[in-house]
């Protein structure tokens, strides 16, 4: 893992991935309106959102970038 500090490019990338993550979370959360699909929502979000998080960690491999 790279121990350098976060620079502006990294912060912009973090912001873009955060927006994409929240849009996906909101979009998949819309299936929670249907009561039976509310039970499937955490699994679906875990599958979809984990892909976004893994792509983010591959793009910005620095300490504390995820937090």
PDB file of N, CA and C in Angstrom:
ATOM      1  N   UNK A   1       0.846  -1.181   0.000  1.00  0.00           N
ATOM      2  CA  UNK A   1       0.000   0.000   0.000  1.00  0.00           C
ATOM      3  C   UNK A   1       0.890   1.244   0.000  1.00  0.00           C
ATOM      4  N   UNK A   2       0.523   2.212  -0.751  1.00  0.00           N
ATOM      5  CA  UNK A   2       1.276   3.440  -0.886  1.00  0.00           C
ATOM      6  C   UNK A   2       1.074   4.304   0.351  1.00  0.00           C
ATOM      7  N   UNK A   3       2.162   4.816   0.936  1.00  0.00           N
ATOM      8  CA  UNK A   3       2.055   5.594   2.173  1.00  0.00           C
ATOM      9  C   UNK A   3       2.089   7.095   1.932  1.00  0.00           C
ATOM     10  N   UNK A   4       2.028   7.520   0.697  1.00  0.00           N
ATOM     11  CA  UNK A   4       2.021   8.949   0.406  1.00  0.00           C
ATOM     12  C   UNK A   4       0.708   9.578   0.868  1.00  0.00           C
ATOM     13  N   UNK A   5       0.724  10.897   1.033  1.00  0.00           N
ATOM     14  CA  UNK A   5      -0.496  11.598   1.412  1.00  0.00           C
ATOM     15  C   UNK A   5      -1.452  11.689   0.224  1.00  0.00           C
ATOM     16  N   UNK A   6      -2.713  11.905   0.536  1.00  0.00           N
ATOM     17  CA  UNK A   6      -3.710  12.079  -0.524  1.00  0.00           C
ATOM     18  C   UNK A   6      -3.521  13.445  -1.178  1.00  0.00           C
ATOM     19  N   UNK A   7      -3.541  13.483  -2.495  1.00  0.00           N
ATOM     20  CA  UNK A   7      -3.439  14.757  -3.199  1.00  0.00           C
ATOM     21  C   UNK A   7      -4.804  15.117  -3.791  1.00  0.00           C
ATOM     22  N   UNK A   8      -4.864  16.203  -4.521  1.00  0.00           N
ATOM     23  CA  UNK A   8      -6.130  16.707  -5.062  1.00  0.00           C
ATOM     24  C   UNK A   8      -6.760  15.707  -6.029  1.00  0.00           C
ATOM     25  N   UNK A   9      -5.953  15.070  -6.860  1.00  0.00           N
ATOM     26  CA  UNK A   9      -6.475  14.085  -7.810  1.00  0.00           C
ATOM     27  C   UNK A   9      -7.153  12.932  -7.067  1.00  0.00           C
ATOM     28  N   UNK A  10      -6.542  12.494  -5.982  1.00  0.00           N
ATOM     29  CA  UNK A  10      -7.130  11.413  -5.192  1.00  0.00           C
ATOM     30  C   UNK A  10      -8.436  11.853  -4.538  1.00  0.00           C
ATOM     31  N   UNK A  11      -8.485  13.071  -4.054  1.00  0.00           N
ATOM     32  CA  UNK A  11      -9.702  13.573  -3.413  1.00  0.00           C
ATOM     33  C   UNK A  11     -10.849  13.703  -4.417  1.00  0.00           C
ATOM     34  N   UNK A  12     -10.536  14.118  -5.631  1.00  0.00           N
ATOM     35  CA  UNK A  12     -11.559  14.200  -6.673  1.00  0.00           C
ATOM     36  C   UNK A  12     -12.068  12.803  -7.019  1.00  0.00           C
ATOM     37  N   UNK A  13     -11.161  11.845  -7.120  1.00  0.00           N
ATOM     38  CA  UNK A  13     -11.556  10.462  -7.395  1.00  0.00           C
ATOM     39  C   UNK A  13     -12.424   9.910  -6.274  1.00  0.00           C
ATOM     40  N   UNK A  14     -12.075  10.208  -5.026  1.00  0.00           N
ATOM     41  CA  UNK A  14     -12.878   9.782  -3.883  1.00  0.00           C
ATOM     42  C   UNK A  14     -14.275  10.375  -3.968  1.00  0.00           C
ATOM     43  N   UNK A  15     -14.367  11.640  -4.328  1.00  0.00           N
ATOM     44  CA  UNK A  15     -15.669  12.294  -4.465  1.00  0.00           C
ATOM     45  C   UNK A  15     -16.522  11.675  -5.553  1.00  0.00           C
ATOM     46  N   UNK A  16     -15.914  11.363  -6.677  1.00  0.00           N
ATOM     47  CA  UNK A  16     -16.659  10.757  -7.788  1.00  0.00           C
ATOM     48  C   UNK A  16     -17.174   9.374  -7.401  1.00  0.00           C
ATOM     49  N   UNK A  17     -16.312   8.566  -6.791  1.00  0.00           N
ATOM     50  CA  UNK A  17     -16.748   7.239  -6.380  1.00  0.00           C
ATOM     51  C   UNK A  17     -17.799   7.308  -5.273  1.00  0.00           C
ATOM     52  N   UNK A  18     -17.723   8.304  -4.399  1.00  0.00           N
ATOM     53  CA  UNK A  18     -18.741   8.453  -3.352  1.00  0.00           C
ATOM     54  C   UNK A  18     -20.100   8.772  -3.962  1.00  0.00           C
ATOM     55  N   UNK A  19     -20.117   9.639  -4.963  1.00  0.00           N
ATOM     56  CA  UNK A  19     -21.375   9.966  -5.635  1.00  0.00           C
ATOM     57  C   UNK A  19     -21.941   8.740  -6.347  1.00  0.00           C
ATOM     58  N   UNK A  20     -21.088   7.999  -7.043  1.00  0.00           N
ATOM     59  CA  UNK A  20     -21.550   6.793  -7.733  1.00  0.00           C
ATOM     60  C   UNK A  20     -22.087   5.781  -6.724  1.00  0.00           C
ATOM     61  N   UNK A  21     -21.408   5.627  -5.594  1.00  0.00           N
ATOM     62  CA  UNK A  21     -21.846   4.680  -4.560  1.00  0.00           C
ATOM     63  C   UNK A  21     -23.214   5.067  -4.011  1.00  0.00           C
ATOM     64  N   UNK A  22     -23.414   6.338  -3.703  1.00  0.00           N
ATOM     65  CA  UNK A  22     -24.695   6.770  -3.150  1.00  0.00           C
ATOM     66  C   UNK A  22     -25.825   6.683  -4.172  1.00  0.00           C
ATOM     67  N   UNK A  23     -25.537   6.946  -5.437  1.00  0.00           N
ATOM     68  CA  UNK A  23     -26.561   6.804  -6.474  1.00  0.00           C
ATOM     69  C   UNK A  23     -26.966   5.340  -6.621  1.00  0.00           C
ATOM     70  N   UNK A  24     -25.997   4.437  -6.609  1.00  0.00           N
ATOM     71  CA  UNK A  24     -26.313   3.009  -6.688  1.00  0.00           C
ATOM     72  C   UNK A  24     -27.073   2.555  -5.452  1.00  0.00           C
ATOM     73  N   UNK A  25     -26.679   3.061  -4.282  1.00  0.00           N
ATOM     74  CA  UNK A  25     -27.368   2.696  -3.053  1.00  0.00           C
ATOM     75  C   UNK A  25     -28.807   3.209  -3.072  1.00  0.00           C
ATOM     76  N   UNK A  26     -29.021   4.400  -3.557  1.00  0.00           N
ATOM     77  CA  UNK A  26     -30.368   4.949  -3.651  1.00  0.00           C
ATOM     78  C   UNK A  26     -31.196   4.183  -4.678  1.00  0.00           C
ATOM     79  N   UNK A  27     -30.587   3.895  -5.828  1.00  0.00           N
ATOM     80  CA  UNK A  27     -31.306   3.179  -6.880  1.00  0.00           C
ATOM     81  C   UNK A  27     -31.694   1.777  -6.467  1.00  0.00           C
ATOM     82  N   UNK A  28     -30.780   1.076  -5.808  1.00  0.00           N
ATOM     83  CA  UNK A  28     -31.131  -0.267  -5.355  1.00  0.00           C
ATOM     84  C   UNK A  28     -32.058  -0.212  -4.151  1.00  0.00           C
ATOM     85  N   UNK A  29     -32.045   0.873  -3.420  1.00  0.00           N
ATOM     86  CA  UNK A  29     -32.961   1.032  -2.290  1.00  0.00           C
ATOM     87  C   UNK A  29     -34.400   1.225  -2.710  1.00  0.00           C
ATOM     88  N   UNK A  30     -34.596   1.605  -3.948  1.00  0.00           N
ATOM     89  CA  UNK A  30     -35.966   1.774  -4.441  1.00  0.00           C
ATOM     90  C   UNK A  30     -36.727   0.452  -4.517  1.00  0.00           C
ATOM     91  N   UNK A  31     -36.010  -0.672  -4.570  1.00  0.00           N
ATOM     92  CA  UNK A  31     -36.715  -1.951  -4.571  1.00  0.00           C
ATOM     93  C   UNK A  31     -37.287  -2.246  -3.185  1.00  0.00           C
ATOM     94  N   UNK A  32     -36.863  -1.503  -2.175  1.00  0.00           N
ATOM     95  CA  UNK A  32     -37.390  -1.681  -0.830  1.00  0.00           C
ATOM     96  C   UNK A  32     -38.819  -1.205  -0.679  1.00  0.00           C
ATOM     97  N   UNK A  33     -39.337  -0.528  -1.684  1.00  0.00           N
ATOM     98  CA  UNK A  33     -40.724  -0.071  -1.639  1.00  0.00           C
ATOM     99  C   UNK A  33     -41.664  -1.273  -1.666  1.00  0.00           C
ATOM    100  N   UNK A  34     -41.306  -2.299  -2.428  1.00  0.00           N
ATOM    101  CA  UNK A  34     -42.083  -3.531  -2.477  1.00  0.00           C
ATOM    102  C   UNK A  34     -41.716  -4.347  -1.233  1.00  0.00           C
ATOM    103  N   UNK A  35     -42.682  -4.675  -0.371  1.00  0.00           N
ATOM    104  CA  UNK A  35     -42.338  -5.280   0.925  1.00  0.00           C
ATOM    105  C   UNK A  35     -41.518  -6.569   0.854  1.00  0.00           C
ATOM    106  N   UNK A  36     -41.798  -7.464  -0.051  1.00  0.00           N
ATOM    107  CA  UNK A  36     -41.042  -8.721  -0.086  1.00  0.00           C
ATOM    108  C   UNK A  36     -39.623  -8.507  -0.602  1.00  0.00           C
ATOM    109  N   UNK A  37     -39.436  -7.539  -1.481  1.00  0.00           N
ATOM    110  CA  UNK A  37     -38.099  -7.253  -1.998  1.00  0.00           C
ATOM    111  C   UNK A  37     -37.235  -6.519  -0.985  1.00  0.00           C
ATOM    112  N   UNK A  38     -37.860  -5.986   0.066  1.00  0.00           N
ATOM    113  CA  UNK A  38     -37.108  -5.317   1.126  1.00  0.00           C
ATOM    114  C   UNK A  38     -36.144  -6.298   1.795  1.00  0.00           C
ATOM    115  N   UNK A  39     -36.494  -7.567   1.810  1.00  0.00           N
ATOM    116  CA  UNK A  39     -35.627  -8.579   2.411  1.00  0.00           C
ATOM    117  C   UNK A  39     -34.424  -8.908   1.536  1.00  0.00           C
ATOM    118  N   UNK A  40     -34.529  -8.675   0.247  1.00  0.00           N
ATOM    119  CA  UNK A  40     -33.453  -8.987  -0.695  1.00  0.00           C
ATOM    120  C   UNK A  40     -32.489  -7.804  -0.855  1.00  0.00           C
ATOM    121  N   UNK A  41     -32.916  -6.619  -0.451  1.00  0.00           N
ATOM    122  CA  UNK A  41     -32.138  -5.409  -0.690  1.00  0.00           C
ATOM    123  C   UNK A  41     -30.711  -5.452  -0.132  1.00  0.00           C
ATOM    124  N   UNK A  42     -30.464  -5.893   1.108  1.00  0.00           N
ATOM    125  CA  UNK A  42     -29.067  -5.898   1.589  1.00  0.00           C
ATOM    126  C   UNK A  42     -28.144  -6.788   0.762  1.00  0.00           C
ATOM    127  N   UNK A  43     -28.634  -7.925   0.322  1.00  0.00           N
ATOM    128  CA  UNK A  43     -27.816  -8.818  -0.496  1.00  0.00           C
ATOM    129  C   UNK A  43     -27.505  -8.185  -1.846  1.00  0.00           C
ATOM    130  N   UNK A  44     -28.516  -7.620  -2.461  1.00  0.00           N
ATOM    131  CA  UNK A  44     -28.325  -6.971  -3.759  1.00  0.00           C
ATOM    132  C   UNK A  44     -27.365  -5.787  -3.641  1.00  0.00           C
ATOM    133  N   UNK A  45     -27.526  -4.991  -2.605  1.00  0.00           N
ATOM    134  CA  UNK A  45     -26.628  -3.848  -2.407  1.00  0.00           C
ATOM    135  C   UNK A  45     -25.198  -4.317  -2.148  1.00  0.00           C
ATOM    136  N   UNK A  46     -25.038  -5.382  -1.390  1.00  0.00           N
ATOM    137  CA  UNK A  46     -23.703  -5.906  -1.125  1.00  0.00           C
ATOM    138  C   UNK A  46     -22.995  -6.373  -2.377  1.00  0.00           C
ATOM    139  N   UNK A  47     -23.731  -6.995  -3.265  1.00  0.00           N
ATOM    140  CA  UNK A  47     -23.131  -7.483  -4.511  1.00  0.00           C
ATOM    141  C   UNK A  47     -22.754  -6.326  -5.424  1.00  0.00           C
ATOM    142  N   UNK A  48     -23.653  -5.382  -5.578  1.00  0.00           N
ATOM    143  CA  UNK A  48     -23.412  -4.266  -6.502  1.00  0.00           C
ATOM    144  C   UNK A  48     -22.398  -3.272  -5.922  1.00  0.00           C
ATOM    145  N   UNK A  49     -22.594  -2.879  -4.660  1.00  0.00           N
ATOM    146  CA  UNK A  49     -21.742  -1.848  -4.069  1.00  0.00           C
ATOM    147  C   UNK A  49     -20.332  -2.356  -3.797  1.00  0.00           C
ATOM    148  N   UNK A  50     -20.178  -3.647  -3.532  1.00  0.00           N
ATOM    149  CA  UNK A  50     -18.826  -4.152  -3.289  1.00  0.00           C
ATOM    150  C   UNK A  50     -17.967  -4.053  -4.548  1.00  0.00           C
ATOM    151  N   UNK A  51     -18.587  -4.178  -5.705  1.00  0.00           N
ATOM    152  CA  UNK A  51     -17.851  -4.014  -6.952  1.00  0.00           C
ATOM    153  C   UNK A  51     -17.330  -2.586  -7.088  1.00  0.00           C
ATOM    154  N   UNK A  52     -18.155  -1.629  -6.713  1.00  0.00           N
ATOM    155  CA  UNK A  52     -17.746  -0.224  -6.782  1.00  0.00           C
ATOM    156  C   UNK A  52     -16.614   0.048  -5.798  1.00  0.00           C
ATOM    157  N   UNK A  53     -16.713  -0.501  -4.593  1.00  0.00           N
ATOM    158  CA  UNK A  53     -15.675  -0.287  -3.587  1.00  0.00           C
ATOM    159  C   UNK A  53     -14.356  -0.936  -4.013  1.00  0.00           C
ATOM    160  N   UNK A  54     -14.411  -2.122  -4.612  1.00  0.00           N
ATOM    161  CA  UNK A  54     -13.183  -2.772  -5.071  1.00  0.00           C
ATOM    162  C   UNK A  54     -12.530  -1.990  -6.206  1.00  0.00           C
ATOM    163  N   UNK A  55     -13.331  -1.448  -7.120  1.00  0.00           N
ATOM    164  CA  UNK A  55     -12.766  -0.606  -8.177  1.00  0.00           C
ATOM    165  C   UNK A  55     -12.137   0.651  -7.599  1.00  0.00           C
ATOM    166  N   UNK A  56     -12.773   1.223  -6.584  1.00  0.00           N
ATOM    167  CA  UNK A  56     -12.231   2.415  -5.931  1.00  0.00           C
ATOM    168  C   UNK A  56     -10.902   2.116  -5.252  1.00  0.00           C
ATOM    169  N   UNK A  57     -10.832   1.000  -4.528  1.00  0.00           N
ATOM    170  CA  UNK A  57      -9.592   0.673  -3.831  1.00  0.00           C
ATOM    171  C   UNK A  57      -8.465   0.331  -4.803  1.00  0.00           C
ATOM    172  N   UNK A  58      -8.800  -0.168  -5.979  1.00  0.00           N
ATOM    173  CA  UNK A  58      -7.773  -0.410  -6.996  1.00  0.00           C
ATOM    174  C   UNK A  58      -7.285   0.901  -7.606  1.00  0.00           C
ATOM    175  N   UNK A  59      -8.179   1.888  -7.691  1.00  0.00           N
ATOM    176  CA  UNK A  59      -7.822   3.176  -8.300  1.00  0.00           C
ATOM    177  C   UNK A  59      -7.007   4.050  -7.343  1.00  0.00           C
ATOM    178  N   UNK A  60      -7.357   4.034  -6.042  1.00  0.00           N
ATOM    179  CA  UNK A  60      -6.667   4.875  -5.043  1.00  0.00           C
ATOM    180  C   UNK A  60      -6.114   3.960  -3.956  1.00  0.00           C
ATOM    181  N   UNK A  61      -4.953   3.327  -4.172  1.00  0.00           N
ATOM    182  CA  UNK A  61      -4.422   2.389  -3.184  1.00  0.00           C
ATOM    183  C   UNK A  61      -3.599   3.076  -2.099  1.00  0.00           C
ATOM    184  N   UNK A  62      -4.182   4.019  -1.400  1.00  0.00           N
ATOM    185  CA  UNK A  62      -3.486   4.740  -0.345  1.00  0.00           C
ATOM    186  C   UNK A  62      -4.191   4.522   0.985  1.00  0.00           C
ATOM    187  N   UNK A  63      -3.427   4.656   2.042  1.00  0.00           N
ATOM    188  CA  UNK A  63      -3.988   4.473   3.379  1.00  0.00           C
ATOM    189  C   UNK A  63      -5.040   5.539   3.655  1.00  0.00           C
ATOM    190  N   UNK A  64      -6.104   5.166   4.309  1.00  0.00           N
ATOM    191  CA  UNK A  64      -7.204   6.029   4.738  1.00  0.00           C
ATOM    192  C   UNK A  64      -8.020   6.590   3.588  1.00  0.00           C
ATOM    193  N   UNK A  65      -7.869   6.088   2.388  1.00  0.00           N
ATOM    194  CA  UNK A  65      -8.659   6.594   1.266  1.00  0.00           C
ATOM    195  C   UNK A  65     -10.119   6.167   1.391  1.00  0.00           C
ATOM    196  N   UNK A  66     -10.363   4.988   1.930  1.00  0.00           N
ATOM    197  CA  UNK A  66     -11.726   4.506   2.062  1.00  0.00           C
ATOM    198  C   UNK A  66     -12.471   5.226   3.170  1.00  0.00           C
ATOM    199  N   UNK A  67     -11.766   5.682   4.191  1.00  0.00           N
ATOM    200  CA  UNK A  67     -12.414   6.333   5.319  1.00  0.00           C
ATOM    201  C   UNK A  67     -12.460   7.820   5.128  1.00  0.00           C
TER     202      UNK A  67
END
